[in-house]
C-alpha atoms as a PDB file:
ATOM      1  CA  MET A   1      17.435 -24.034 -14.280  1.00  0.00           C
ATOM      2  CA  SER A   2      13.981 -25.387 -14.705  1.00  0.00           C
ATOM      3  CA  VAL A   3      11.849 -26.930 -11.996  1.00  0.00           C
ATOM      4  CA  LYS A   4       8.570 -28.654 -12.639  1.00  0.00           C
ATOM      5  CA  PHE A   5       5.891 -29.266 -10.036  1.00  0.00           C
ATOM      6  CA  ASP A   6       2.137 -29.715  -9.800  1.00  0.00           C
ATOM      7  CA  ILE A   7      -0.069 -27.101  -8.181  1.00  0.00           C
ATOM      8  CA  THR A   8      -3.800 -26.911  -7.646  1.00  0.00           C
ATOM      9  CA  PRO A   9      -5.976 -25.140 -10.215  1.00  0.00           C
ATOM     10  CA  GLU A  10      -6.923 -22.594  -7.518  1.00  0.00           C
ATOM     11  CA  LEU A  11      -3.286 -21.737  -6.896  1.00  0.00           C
ATOM     12  CA  GLN A  12      -2.598 -21.522 -10.625  1.00  0.00           C
ATOM     13  CA  ASN A  13      -5.545 -19.135 -11.008  1.00  0.00           C
ATOM     14  CA  ARG A  14      -4.145 -16.868  -8.275  1.00  0.00           C
ATOM     15  CA  ILE A  15      -0.693 -16.876  -9.873  1.00  0.00           C
ATOM     16  CA  ASP A  16      -2.189 -16.122 -13.283  1.00  0.00           C
ATOM     17  CA  ALA A  17      -4.305 -13.277 -11.859  1.00  0.00           C
ATOM     18  CA  ILE A  18      -1.275 -11.708 -10.156  1.00  0.00           C
ATOM     19  CA  ALA A  19       0.740 -12.083 -13.341  1.00  0.00           C
ATOM     20  CA  THR A  20      -1.952 -10.351 -15.383  1.00  0.00           C
ATOM     21  CA  ARG A  21      -2.370  -7.490 -12.902  1.00  0.00           C
ATOM     22  CA  SER A  22       1.372  -6.922 -12.504  1.00  0.00           C
ATOM     23  CA  SER A  23       2.493  -7.478 -16.113  1.00  0.00           C
ATOM     24  CA  LEU A  24       4.792 -10.248 -14.900  1.00  0.00           C
ATOM     25  CA  SER A  25       4.946 -13.800 -16.144  1.00  0.00           C
ATOM     26  CA  PRO A  26       3.631 -16.549 -13.867  1.00  0.00           C
ATOM     27  CA  SER A  27       7.236 -17.687 -13.494  1.00  0.00           C
ATOM     28  CA  GLU A  28       8.260 -14.222 -12.292  1.00  0.00           C
ATOM     29  CA  VAL A  29       5.420 -14.209  -9.743  1.00  0.00           C
ATOM     30  CA  ILE A  30       6.612 -17.528  -8.326  1.00  0.00           C
ATOM     31  CA  THR A  31      10.252 -16.365  -8.357  1.00  0.00           C
ATOM     32  CA  ASP A  32       9.268 -13.226  -6.424  1.00  0.00           C
ATOM     33  CA  ALA A  33       7.574 -15.392  -3.821  1.00  0.00           C
ATOM     34  CA  LEU A  34      10.575 -17.694  -3.480  1.00  0.00           C
ATOM     35  CA  VAL A  35      13.438 -15.201  -3.723  1.00  0.00           C
ATOM     36  CA  ASN A  36      11.942 -12.189  -1.957  1.00  0.00           C
ATOM     37  CA  GLY A  37       9.493 -13.927   0.356  1.00  0.00           C
ATOM     38  CA  HIS A  38       6.532 -12.127  -1.190  1.00  0.00           C
ATOM     39  CA  SER A  39       3.730 -14.625  -0.712  1.00  0.00           C
ATOM     40  CA  LEU A  40       0.834 -14.663  -3.136  1.00  0.00           C
ATOM     41  CA  GLU A  41      -1.290 -13.054  -0.434  1.00  0.00           C
ATOM     42  CA  TRP A  42       1.310 -10.280  -0.007  1.00  0.00           C
ATOM     43  CA  GLN A  43       1.452  -9.727  -3.775  1.00  0.00           C
ATOM     44  CA  GLU A  44      -2.352  -9.589  -4.003  1.00  0.00           C
ATOM     45  CA  ARG A  45      -2.565  -7.036  -1.171  1.00  0.00           C
ATOM     46  CA  PHE A  46       0.232  -4.964  -2.720  1.00  0.00           C
ATOM     47  CA  LEU A  47      -1.549  -4.841  -6.075  1.00  0.00           C
ATOM     48  CA  ASP A  48      -4.820  -3.898  -4.338  1.00  0.00           C
ATOM     49  CA  LYS A  49      -3.064  -0.992  -2.579  1.00  0.00           C
ATOM     50  CA  VAL A  50      -1.469   0.181  -5.817  1.00  0.00           C
ATOM     51  CA  ALA A  51      -4.862   0.080  -7.555  1.00  0.00           C
ATOM     52  CA  ARG A  52      -6.453   2.102  -4.729  1.00  0.00           C
ATOM     53  CA  GLY A  53      -3.630   4.648  -4.911  1.00  0.00           C
ATOM     54  CA  ILE A  54      -3.994   5.044  -8.673  1.00  0.00           C
ATOM     55  CA  LYS A  55      -7.759   5.428  -8.324  1.00  0.00           C
ATOM     56  CA  ALA A  56      -7.299   8.080  -5.624  1.00  0.00           C
ATOM     57  CA  ALA A  57      -4.728   9.959  -7.719  1.00  0.00           C
ATOM     58  CA  ASP A  58      -6.977   9.798 -10.767  1.00  0.00           C
ATOM     59  CA  GLY A  59      -9.738  11.257  -8.591  1.00  0.00           C
ATOM     60  CA  GLY A  60      -7.545  14.167  -7.549  1.00  0.00           C
ATOM     61  CA  GLU A  61      -7.027  12.948  -3.991  1.00  0.00           C
ATOM     62  CA  PHE A  62      -3.543  14.150  -3.154  1.00  0.00           C
ATOM     63  CA  ALA A  63      -1.827  15.207   0.045  1.00  0.00           C
ATOM     64  CA  ASP A  64      -2.203  18.876   0.868  1.00  0.00           C
ATOM     65  CA  GLN A  65       0.871  21.079   1.232  1.00  0.00           C
ATOM     66  CA  ALA A  66       0.868  20.818   5.040  1.00  0.00           C
ATOM     67  CA  ALA A  67       1.030  17.015   4.849  1.00  0.00           C
ATOM     68  CA  ILE A  68       3.825  17.176   2.278  1.00  0.00           C
ATOM     69  CA  ASP A  69       5.786  19.589   4.484  1.00  0.00           C
ATOM     70  CA  ARG A  70       5.343  17.316   7.542  1.00  0.00           C
ATOM     71  CA  VAL A  71       6.833  14.368   5.670  1.00  0.00           C
ATOM     72  CA  ARG A  72       9.568  16.464   4.095  1.00  0.00           C
ATOM     73  CA  ASN A  73      10.618  17.902   7.464  1.00  0.00           C
ATOM     74  CA  LYS A  74      10.153  14.752   9.544  1.00  0.00           C
ATOM     75  CA  TYR A  75      13.801  13.707   9.466  1.00  0.00           C
ATOM     76  CA  ARG A  76      15.493  17.049   8.980  1.00  0.00           C
ATOM     77  CA  PRO A  77      17.710  18.172  11.823  1.00  0.00           C
ATOM     78  CA  THR A  78      16.171  20.880  13.948  1.00  0.00           C
END
């Protein structure tokens, strides 16, 4: 099914930027917003967090063993 509607240039620019950053098509970005409730703002914040995480990992910033063990043991029965 195809739906056609007019959007502002500003909104189109945001959709295009998200599409470029996420390797999705603009149509997939809009579908994600409609089907999953992921607003453009949510998608932008998500991509920012992913970029920060990649940058930190590339810089060698990882959790130490104690932090890994805390998470690993958090839900284990005692």
